[in-house]
Amino acid sequence: MPFAYILYSVRLDKYYIGSCTNLERRLYEHNSGHSKFTSLGVPWQVVYLEEFEVLLDARRREMQIKRMKSRRYIEDLIAKGRASRL
């Protein structure tokens, strides 16, 4: 299944927004240095996740979140995501 996701690095105190079809593999890539930016923030943890039917929709959601350019928006998404799982 395709996903839009947000990762967090305690080391950098930064978020990374992405999309993929295999989240487990992608998280491994981020945490094993396959991505230049994320290699600086290892370990990354998934803090937010949305599942989609098709990858194009996941990519659109990724771009929508990135366009917000707001840490507050990202942290609100994460908080609402946690609340919806309770």
PDB file of N, CA and C in Angstrom:
ATOM      1  N   MET A   1       0.825  -1.193   0.000  1.00  0.00           N
ATOM      2  CA  MET A   1       0.000   0.000   0.000  1.00  0.00           C
ATOM      3  C   MET A   1       0.868   1.255   0.000  1.00  0.00           C
ATOM      4  N   PRO A   2       0.475   2.256  -0.715  1.00  0.00           N
ATOM      5  CA  PRO A   2       1.196   3.538  -0.694  1.00  0.00           C
ATOM      6  C   PRO A   2       0.920   4.327   0.588  1.00  0.00           C
ATOM      7  N   PHE A   3       1.934   5.042   1.025  1.00  0.00           N
ATOM      8  CA  PHE A   3       1.837   5.842   2.242  1.00  0.00           C
ATOM      9  C   PHE A   3       2.436   7.225   2.026  1.00  0.00           C
ATOM     10  N   ALA A   4       1.886   8.199   2.728  1.00  0.00           N
ATOM     11  CA  ALA A   4       2.555   9.477   2.973  1.00  0.00           C
ATOM     12  C   ALA A   4       2.950   9.391   4.440  1.00  0.00           C
ATOM     13  N   TYR A   5       4.160   9.830   4.758  1.00  0.00           N
ATOM     14  CA  TYR A   5       4.642   9.645   6.124  1.00  0.00           C
ATOM     15  C   TYR A   5       5.462  10.839   6.584  1.00  0.00           C
ATOM     16  N   ILE A   6       5.583  10.945   7.893  1.00  0.00           N
ATOM     17  CA  ILE A   6       6.456  11.941   8.497  1.00  0.00           C
ATOM     18  C   ILE A   6       7.375  11.200   9.459  1.00  0.00           C
ATOM     19  N   LEU A   7       8.670  11.439   9.299  1.00  0.00           N
ATOM     20  CA  LEU A   7       9.676  10.884  10.194  1.00  0.00           C
ATOM     21  C   LEU A   7      10.190  12.003  11.093  1.00  0.00           C
ATOM     22  N   TYR A   8      10.714  11.601  12.249  1.00  0.00           N
ATOM     23  CA  TYR A   8      11.299  12.580  13.166  1.00  0.00           C
ATOM     24  C   TYR A   8      12.664  12.088  13.622  1.00  0.00           C
ATOM     25  N   SER A   9      13.610  13.027  13.679  1.00  0.00           N
ATOM     26  CA  SER A   9      14.951  12.743  14.191  1.00  0.00           C
ATOM     27  C   SER A   9      15.163  13.529  15.473  1.00  0.00           C
ATOM     28  N   VAL A  10      15.369  12.829  16.577  1.00  0.00           N
ATOM     29  CA  VAL A  10      15.672  13.486  17.852  1.00  0.00           C
ATOM     30  C   VAL A  10      17.016  14.201  17.730  1.00  0.00           C
ATOM     31  N   ARG A  11      17.948  13.564  17.080  1.00  0.00           N
ATOM     32  CA  ARG A  11      19.301  14.112  16.931  1.00  0.00           C
ATOM     33  C   ARG A  11      19.293  15.497  16.269  1.00  0.00           C
ATOM     34  N   LEU A  12      18.489  15.663  15.213  1.00  0.00           N
ATOM     35  CA  LEU A  12      18.422  16.939  14.493  1.00  0.00           C
ATOM     36  C   LEU A  12      17.256  17.815  14.937  1.00  0.00           C
ATOM     37  N   ASP A  13      16.308  17.223  15.670  1.00  0.00           N
ATOM     38  CA  ASP A  13      15.048  17.886  15.997  1.00  0.00           C
ATOM     39  C   ASP A  13      14.378  18.392  14.720  1.00  0.00           C
ATOM     40  N   LYS A  14      14.309  17.495  13.724  1.00  0.00           N
ATOM     41  CA  LYS A  14      13.736  17.828  12.422  1.00  0.00           C
ATOM     42  C   LYS A  14      12.773  16.739  11.983  1.00  0.00           C
ATOM     43  N   TYR A  15      11.851  17.165  11.097  1.00  0.00           N
ATOM     44  CA  TYR A  15      10.905  16.252  10.479  1.00  0.00           C
ATOM     45  C   TYR A  15      11.294  16.036   9.026  1.00  0.00           C
ATOM     46  N   TYR A  16      10.969  14.850   8.522  1.00  0.00           N
ATOM     47  CA  TYR A  16      11.162  14.527   7.113  1.00  0.00           C
ATOM     48  C   TYR A  16       9.827  14.015   6.595  1.00  0.00           C
ATOM     49  N   ILE A  17       9.378  14.553   5.476  1.00  0.00           N
ATOM     50  CA  ILE A  17       8.092  14.176   4.886  1.00  0.00           C
ATOM     51  C   ILE A  17       8.370  13.418   3.599  1.00  0.00           C
ATOM     52  N   GLY A  18       7.719  12.272   3.430  1.00  0.00           N
ATOM     53  CA  GLY A  18       7.939  11.482   2.230  1.00  0.00           C
ATOM     54  C   GLY A  18       6.731  10.642   1.871  1.00  0.00           C
ATOM     55  N   SER A  19       6.886   9.862   0.802  1.00  0.00           N
ATOM     56  CA  SER A  19       5.853   8.912   0.390  1.00  0.00           C
ATOM     57  C   SER A  19       6.550   7.706  -0.224  1.00  0.00           C
ATOM     58  N   CYS A  20       5.876   6.569  -0.176  1.00  0.00           N
ATOM     59  CA  CYS A  20       6.475   5.331  -0.680  1.00  0.00           C
ATOM     60  C   CYS A  20       5.402   4.251  -0.772  1.00  0.00           C
ATOM     61  N   THR A  21       5.797   3.110  -1.304  1.00  0.00           N
ATOM     62  CA  THR A  21       4.890   1.962  -1.342  1.00  0.00           C
ATOM     63  C   THR A  21       5.277   0.889  -0.325  1.00  0.00           C
ATOM     64  N   ASN A  22       6.497   0.947   0.173  1.00  0.00           N
ATOM     65  CA  ASN A  22       6.961  -0.038   1.152  1.00  0.00           C
ATOM     66  C   ASN A  22       7.621   0.715   2.310  1.00  0.00           C
ATOM     67  N   LEU A  23       6.853   0.995   3.332  1.00  0.00           N
ATOM     68  CA  LEU A  23       7.334   1.834   4.429  1.00  0.00           C
ATOM     69  C   LEU A  23       8.485   1.186   5.194  1.00  0.00           C
ATOM     70  N   GLU A  24       8.406  -0.095   5.431  1.00  0.00           N
ATOM     71  CA  GLU A  24       9.470  -0.781   6.171  1.00  0.00           C
ATOM     72  C   GLU A  24      10.814  -0.647   5.447  1.00  0.00           C
ATOM     73  N   ARG A  25      10.803  -0.890   4.138  1.00  0.00           N
ATOM     74  CA  ARG A  25      12.029  -0.766   3.341  1.00  0.00           C
ATOM     75  C   ARG A  25      12.522   0.677   3.321  1.00  0.00           C
ATOM     76  N   ARG A  26      11.597   1.619   3.152  1.00  0.00           N
ATOM     77  CA  ARG A  26      11.982   3.031   3.071  1.00  0.00           C
ATOM     78  C   ARG A  26      12.578   3.522   4.393  1.00  0.00           C
ATOM     79  N   LEU A  27      11.995   3.115   5.509  1.00  0.00           N
ATOM     80  CA  LEU A  27      12.539   3.500   6.810  1.00  0.00           C
ATOM     81  C   LEU A  27      13.948   2.922   6.984  1.00  0.00           C
ATOM     82  N   TYR A  28      14.136   1.686   6.551  1.00  0.00           N
ATOM     83  CA  TYR A  28      15.468   1.077   6.591  1.00  0.00           C
ATOM     84  C   TYR A  28      16.461   1.906   5.773  1.00  0.00           C
ATOM     85  N   GLU A  29      16.042   2.338   4.576  1.00  0.00           N
ATOM     86  CA  GLU A  29      16.919   3.151   3.728  1.00  0.00           C
ATOM     87  C   GLU A  29      17.295   4.464   4.417  1.00  0.00           C
ATOM     88  N   HIS A  30      16.322   5.104   5.035  1.00  0.00           N
ATOM     89  CA  HIS A  30      16.603   6.358   5.742  1.00  0.00           C
ATOM     90  C   HIS A  30      17.589   6.127   6.891  1.00  0.00           C
ATOM     91  N   ASN A  31      17.412   5.057   7.611  1.00  0.00           N
ATOM     92  CA  ASN A  31      18.235   4.808   8.798  1.00  0.00           C
ATOM     93  C   ASN A  31      19.575   4.140   8.502  1.00  0.00           C
ATOM     94  N   SER A  32      19.804   3.742   7.260  1.00  0.00           N
ATOM     95  CA  SER A  32      21.079   3.088   6.933  1.00  0.00           C
ATOM     96  C   SER A  32      21.935   3.930   5.991  1.00  0.00           C
ATOM     97  N   GLY A  33      21.603   5.205   5.849  1.00  0.00           N
ATOM     98  CA  GLY A  33      22.456   6.113   5.099  1.00  0.00           C
ATOM     99  C   GLY A  33      22.263   6.146   3.600  1.00  0.00           C
ATOM    100  N   HIS A  34      21.187   5.583   3.081  1.00  0.00           N
ATOM    101  CA  HIS A  34      20.946   5.593   1.636  1.00  0.00           C
ATOM    102  C   HIS A  34      20.450   6.945   1.131  1.00  0.00           C
ATOM    103  N   SER A  35      20.029   7.798   2.017  1.00  0.00           N
ATOM    104  CA  SER A  35      19.543   9.127   1.650  1.00  0.00           C
ATOM    105  C   SER A  35      20.465  10.162   2.290  1.00  0.00           C
ATOM    106  N   LYS A  36      20.998  11.076   1.478  1.00  0.00           N
ATOM    107  CA  LYS A  36      21.999  12.027   1.973  1.00  0.00           C
ATOM    108  C   LYS A  36      21.471  12.851   3.150  1.00  0.00           C
ATOM    109  N   PHE A  37      20.279  13.440   3.001  1.00  0.00           N
ATOM    110  CA  PHE A  37      19.747  14.290   4.067  1.00  0.00           C
ATOM    111  C   PHE A  37      19.472  13.490   5.335  1.00  0.00           C
ATOM    112  N   THR A  38      18.789  12.377   5.201  1.00  0.00           N
ATOM    113  CA  THR A  38      18.381  11.645   6.398  1.00  0.00           C
ATOM    114  C   THR A  38      19.536  10.911   7.068  1.00  0.00           C
ATOM    115  N   SER A  39      20.641  10.715   6.364  1.00  0.00           N
ATOM    116  CA  SER A  39      21.783  10.035   6.991  1.00  0.00           C
ATOM    117  C   SER A  39      22.339  10.843   8.162  1.00  0.00           C
ATOM    118  N   LEU A  40      22.119  12.143   8.165  1.00  0.00           N
ATOM    119  CA  LEU A  40      22.610  13.002   9.244  1.00  0.00           C
ATOM    120  C   LEU A  40      21.783  12.879  10.519  1.00  0.00           C
ATOM    121  N   GLY A  41      20.551  12.389  10.398  1.00  0.00           N
ATOM    122  CA  GLY A  41      19.654  12.389  11.548  1.00  0.00           C
ATOM    123  C   GLY A  41      19.329  11.040  12.139  1.00  0.00           C
ATOM    124  N   VAL A  42      20.063  10.026  11.764  1.00  0.00           N
ATOM    125  CA  VAL A  42      19.801   8.660  12.231  1.00  0.00           C
ATOM    126  C   VAL A  42      19.830   8.617  13.758  1.00  0.00           C
ATOM    127  N   PRO A  43      18.911   7.939  14.389  1.00  0.00           N
ATOM    128  CA  PRO A  43      17.807   7.168  13.832  1.00  0.00           C
ATOM    129  C   PRO A  43      16.551   8.025  13.622  1.00  0.00           C
ATOM    130  N   TRP A  44      15.822   7.695  12.575  1.00  0.00           N
ATOM    131  CA  TRP A  44      14.541   8.332  12.270  1.00  0.00           C
ATOM    132  C   TRP A  44      13.431   7.417  12.754  1.00  0.00           C
ATOM    133  N   GLN A  45      12.343   8.007  13.214  1.00  0.00           N
ATOM    134  CA  GLN A  45      11.191   7.203  13.629  1.00  0.00           C
ATOM    135  C   GLN A  45       9.940   7.732  12.942  1.00  0.00           C
ATOM    136  N   VAL A  46       9.040   6.832  12.606  1.00  0.00           N
ATOM    137  CA  VAL A  46       7.773   7.218  11.986  1.00  0.00           C
ATOM    138  C   VAL A  46       6.886   7.823  13.072  1.00  0.00           C
ATOM    139  N   VAL A  47       6.439   9.062  12.835  1.00  0.00           N
ATOM    140  CA  VAL A  47       5.571   9.728  13.807  1.00  0.00           C
ATOM    141  C   VAL A  47       4.187  10.014  13.237  1.00  0.00           C
ATOM    142  N   TYR A  48       4.042   9.853  11.915  1.00  0.00           N
ATOM    143  CA  TYR A  48       2.739  10.093  11.280  1.00  0.00           C
ATOM    144  C   TYR A  48       2.680   9.292   9.995  1.00  0.00           C
ATOM    145  N   LEU A  49       1.488   8.778   9.697  1.00  0.00           N
ATOM    146  CA  LEU A  49       1.319   7.895   8.548  1.00  0.00           C
ATOM    147  C   LEU A  49      -0.093   8.011   8.008  1.00  0.00           C
ATOM    148  N   GLU A  50      -0.206   8.127   6.687  1.00  0.00           N
ATOM    149  CA  GLU A  50      -1.505   8.068   6.010  1.00  0.00           C
ATOM    150  C   GLU A  50      -1.391   7.032   4.902  1.00  0.00           C
ATOM    151  N   GLU A  51      -2.403   6.192   4.788  1.00  0.00           N
ATOM    152  CA  GLU A  51      -2.411   5.136   3.780  1.00  0.00           C
ATOM    153  C   GLU A  51      -3.325   5.543   2.627  1.00  0.00           C
ATOM    154  N   PHE A  52      -2.926   5.196   1.390  1.00  0.00           N
ATOM    155  CA  PHE A  52      -3.677   5.559   0.192  1.00  0.00           C
ATOM    156  C   PHE A  52      -3.863   4.343  -0.706  1.00  0.00           C
ATOM    157  N   GLU A  53      -4.800   4.462  -1.624  1.00  0.00           N
ATOM    158  CA  GLU A  53      -5.050   3.387  -2.590  1.00  0.00           C
ATOM    159  C   GLU A  53      -3.991   3.369  -3.695  1.00  0.00           C
ATOM    160  N   VAL A  54      -3.567   4.564  -4.122  1.00  0.00           N
ATOM    161  CA  VAL A  54      -2.588   4.657  -5.214  1.00  0.00           C
ATOM    162  C   VAL A  54      -1.455   5.599  -4.818  1.00  0.00           C
ATOM    163  N   LEU A  55      -0.261   5.337  -5.361  1.00  0.00           N
ATOM    164  CA  LEU A  55       0.924   6.116  -5.020  1.00  0.00           C
ATOM    165  C   LEU A  55       0.766   7.591  -5.385  1.00  0.00           C
ATOM    166  N   LEU A  56       0.102   7.887  -6.482  1.00  0.00           N
ATOM    167  CA  LEU A  56      -0.079   9.280  -6.891  1.00  0.00           C
ATOM    168  C   LEU A  56      -0.770  10.093  -5.797  1.00  0.00           C
ATOM    169  N   ASP A  57      -1.764   9.507  -5.146  1.00  0.00           N
ATOM    170  CA  ASP A  57      -2.454  10.212  -4.055  1.00  0.00           C
ATOM    171  C   ASP A  57      -1.525  10.426  -2.860  1.00  0.00           C
ATOM    172  N   ALA A  58      -0.686   9.447  -2.571  1.00  0.00           N
ATOM    173  CA  ALA A  58       0.278   9.592  -1.472  1.00  0.00           C
ATOM    174  C   ALA A  58       1.280  10.696  -1.795  1.00  0.00           C
ATOM    175  N   ARG A  59       1.737  10.751  -3.037  1.00  0.00           N
ATOM    176  CA  ARG A  59       2.684  11.801  -3.446  1.00  0.00           C
ATOM    177  C   ARG A  59       2.035  13.184  -3.368  1.00  0.00           C
ATOM    178  N   ARG A  60       0.775  13.259  -3.775  1.00  0.00           N
ATOM    179  CA  ARG A  60       0.061  14.542  -3.684  1.00  0.00           C
ATOM    180  C   ARG A  60      -0.046  15.001  -2.234  1.00  0.00           C
ATOM    181  N   ARG A  61      -0.338  14.075  -1.346  1.00  0.00           N
ATOM    182  CA  ARG A  61      -0.438  14.425   0.076  1.00  0.00           C
ATOM    183  C   ARG A  61       0.927  14.850   0.617  1.00  0.00           C
ATOM    184  N   GLU A  62       1.973  14.145   0.224  1.00  0.00           N
ATOM    185  CA  GLU A  62       3.331  14.538   0.619  1.00  0.00           C
ATOM    186  C   GLU A  62       3.600  15.986   0.210  1.00  0.00           C
ATOM    187  N   MET A  63       3.292  16.325  -1.045  1.00  0.00           N
ATOM    188  CA  MET A  63       3.547  17.677  -1.541  1.00  0.00           C
ATOM    189  C   MET A  63       2.675  18.706  -0.819  1.00  0.00           C
ATOM    190  N   GLN A  64       1.446  18.326  -0.501  1.00  0.00           N
ATOM    191  CA  GLN A  64       0.554  19.235   0.222  1.00  0.00           C
ATOM    192  C   GLN A  64       1.139  19.579   1.595  1.00  0.00           C
ATOM    193  N   ILE A  65       1.610  18.581   2.303  1.00  0.00           N
ATOM    194  CA  ILE A  65       2.206  18.814   3.627  1.00  0.00           C
ATOM    195  C   ILE A  65       3.470  19.664   3.484  1.00  0.00           C
ATOM    196  N   LYS A  66       4.311  19.354   2.502  1.00  0.00           N
ATOM    197  CA  LYS A  66       5.548  20.116   2.303  1.00  0.00           C
ATOM    198  C   LYS A  66       5.267  21.573   1.955  1.00  0.00           C
ATOM    199  N   ARG A  67       4.216  21.820   1.174  1.00  0.00           N
ATOM    200  CA  ARG A  67       3.879  23.198   0.800  1.00  0.00           C
ATOM    201  C   ARG A  67       3.489  24.051   1.998  1.00  0.00           C
ATOM    202  N   MET A  68       3.030  23.426   3.060  1.00  0.00           N
ATOM    203  CA  MET A  68       2.643  24.185   4.247  1.00  0.00           C
ATOM    204  C   MET A  68       3.864  24.842   4.905  1.00  0.00           C
ATOM    205  N   LYS A  69       5.031  24.245   4.751  1.00  0.00           N
ATOM    206  CA  LYS A  69       6.288  24.787   5.305  1.00  0.00           C
ATOM    207  C   LYS A  69       6.123  25.265   6.742  1.00  0.00           C
ATOM    208  N   SER A  70       5.442  24.455   7.525  1.00  0.00           N
ATOM    209  CA  SER A  70       5.142  24.868   8.891  1.00  0.00           C
ATOM    210  C   SER A  70       5.352  23.716   9.864  1.00  0.00           C
ATOM    211  N   ARG A  71       6.258  23.898  10.783  1.00  0.00           N
ATOM    212  CA  ARG A  71       6.484  22.900  11.827  1.00  0.00           C
ATOM    213  C   ARG A  71       5.220  22.734  12.669  1.00  0.00           C
ATOM    214  N   ARG A  72       4.552  23.845  12.936  1.00  0.00           N
ATOM    215  CA  ARG A  72       3.327  23.787  13.741  1.00  0.00           C
ATOM    216  C   ARG A  72       2.254  22.930  13.053  1.00  0.00           C
ATOM    217  N   TYR A  73       2.093  23.104  11.740  1.00  0.00           N
ATOM    218  CA  TYR A  73       1.130  22.304  10.986  1.00  0.00           C
ATOM    219  C   TYR A  73       1.480  20.818  11.101  1.00  0.00           C
ATOM    220  N   ILE A  74       2.753  20.498  10.941  1.00  0.00           N
ATOM    221  CA  ILE A  74       3.207  19.110  11.033  1.00  0.00           C
ATOM    222  C   ILE A  74       2.932  18.547  12.425  1.00  0.00           C
ATOM    223  N   GLU A  75       3.254  19.308  13.453  1.00  0.00           N
ATOM    224  CA  GLU A  75       3.037  18.824  14.820  1.00  0.00           C
ATOM    225  C   GLU A  75       1.550  18.694  15.150  1.00  0.00           C
ATOM    226  N   ASP A  76       0.714  19.555  14.576  1.00  0.00           N
ATOM    227  CA  ASP A  76      -0.737  19.406  14.738  1.00  0.00           C
ATOM    228  C   ASP A  76      -1.230  18.125  14.066  1.00  0.00           C
ATOM    229  N   LEU A  77      -0.722  17.831  12.867  1.00  0.00           N
ATOM    230  CA  LEU A  77      -1.084  16.581  12.178  1.00  0.00           C
ATOM    231  C   LEU A  77      -0.726  15.371  13.034  1.00  0.00           C
ATOM    232  N   ILE A  78       0.475  15.398  13.579  1.00  0.00           N
ATOM    233  CA  ILE A  78       0.952  14.284  14.403  1.00  0.00           C
ATOM    234  C   ILE A  78       0.068  14.126  15.634  1.00  0.00           C
ATOM    235  N   ALA A  79      -0.244  15.233  16.299  1.00  0.00           N
ATOM    236  CA  ALA A  79      -1.085  15.187  17.503  1.00  0.00           C
ATOM    237  C   ALA A  79      -2.479  14.668  17.178  1.00  0.00           C
ATOM    238  N   LYS A  80      -3.053  15.121  16.079  1.00  0.00           N
ATOM    239  CA  LYS A  80      -4.390  14.653  15.682  1.00  0.00           C
ATOM    240  C   LYS A  80      -4.359  13.183  15.294  1.00  0.00           C
ATOM    241  N   GLY A  81      -3.276  12.757  14.666  1.00  0.00           N
ATOM    242  CA  GLY A  81      -3.124  11.350  14.296  1.00  0.00           C
ATOM    243  C   GLY A  81      -3.078  10.451  15.510  1.00  0.00           C
ATOM    244  N   ARG A  82      -2.390  10.902  16.545  1.00  0.00           N
ATOM    245  CA  ARG A  82      -2.322  10.123  17.789  1.00  0.00           C
ATOM    246  C   ARG A  82      -3.683  10.082  18.462  1.00  0.00           C
ATOM    247  N   ALA A  83      -4.379  11.195  18.467  1.00  0.00           N
ATOM    248  CA  ALA A  83      -5.692  11.260  19.117  1.00  0.00           C
ATOM    249  C   ALA A  83      -6.690  10.344  18.420  1.00  0.00           C
ATOM    250  N   SER A  84      -6.597  10.243  17.092  1.00  0.00           N
ATOM    251  CA  SER A  84      -7.551   9.404  16.365  1.00  0.00           C
ATOM    252  C   SER A  84      -7.310   7.922  16.601  1.00  0.00           C
ATOM    253  N   ARG A  85      -6.142   7.553  17.114  1.00  0.00           N
ATOM    254  CA  ARG A  85      -5.842   6.145  17.392  1.00  0.00           C
ATOM    255  C   ARG A  85      -6.243   5.729  18.795  1.00  0.00           C
ATOM    256  N   LEU A  86      -6.651   6.686  19.625  1.00  0.00           N
ATOM    257  CA  LEU A  86      -7.020   6.361  21.013  1.00  0.00           C
ATOM    258  C   LEU A  86      -8.415   5.778  21.086  1.00  0.00           C
TER     259      LEU A  86
END
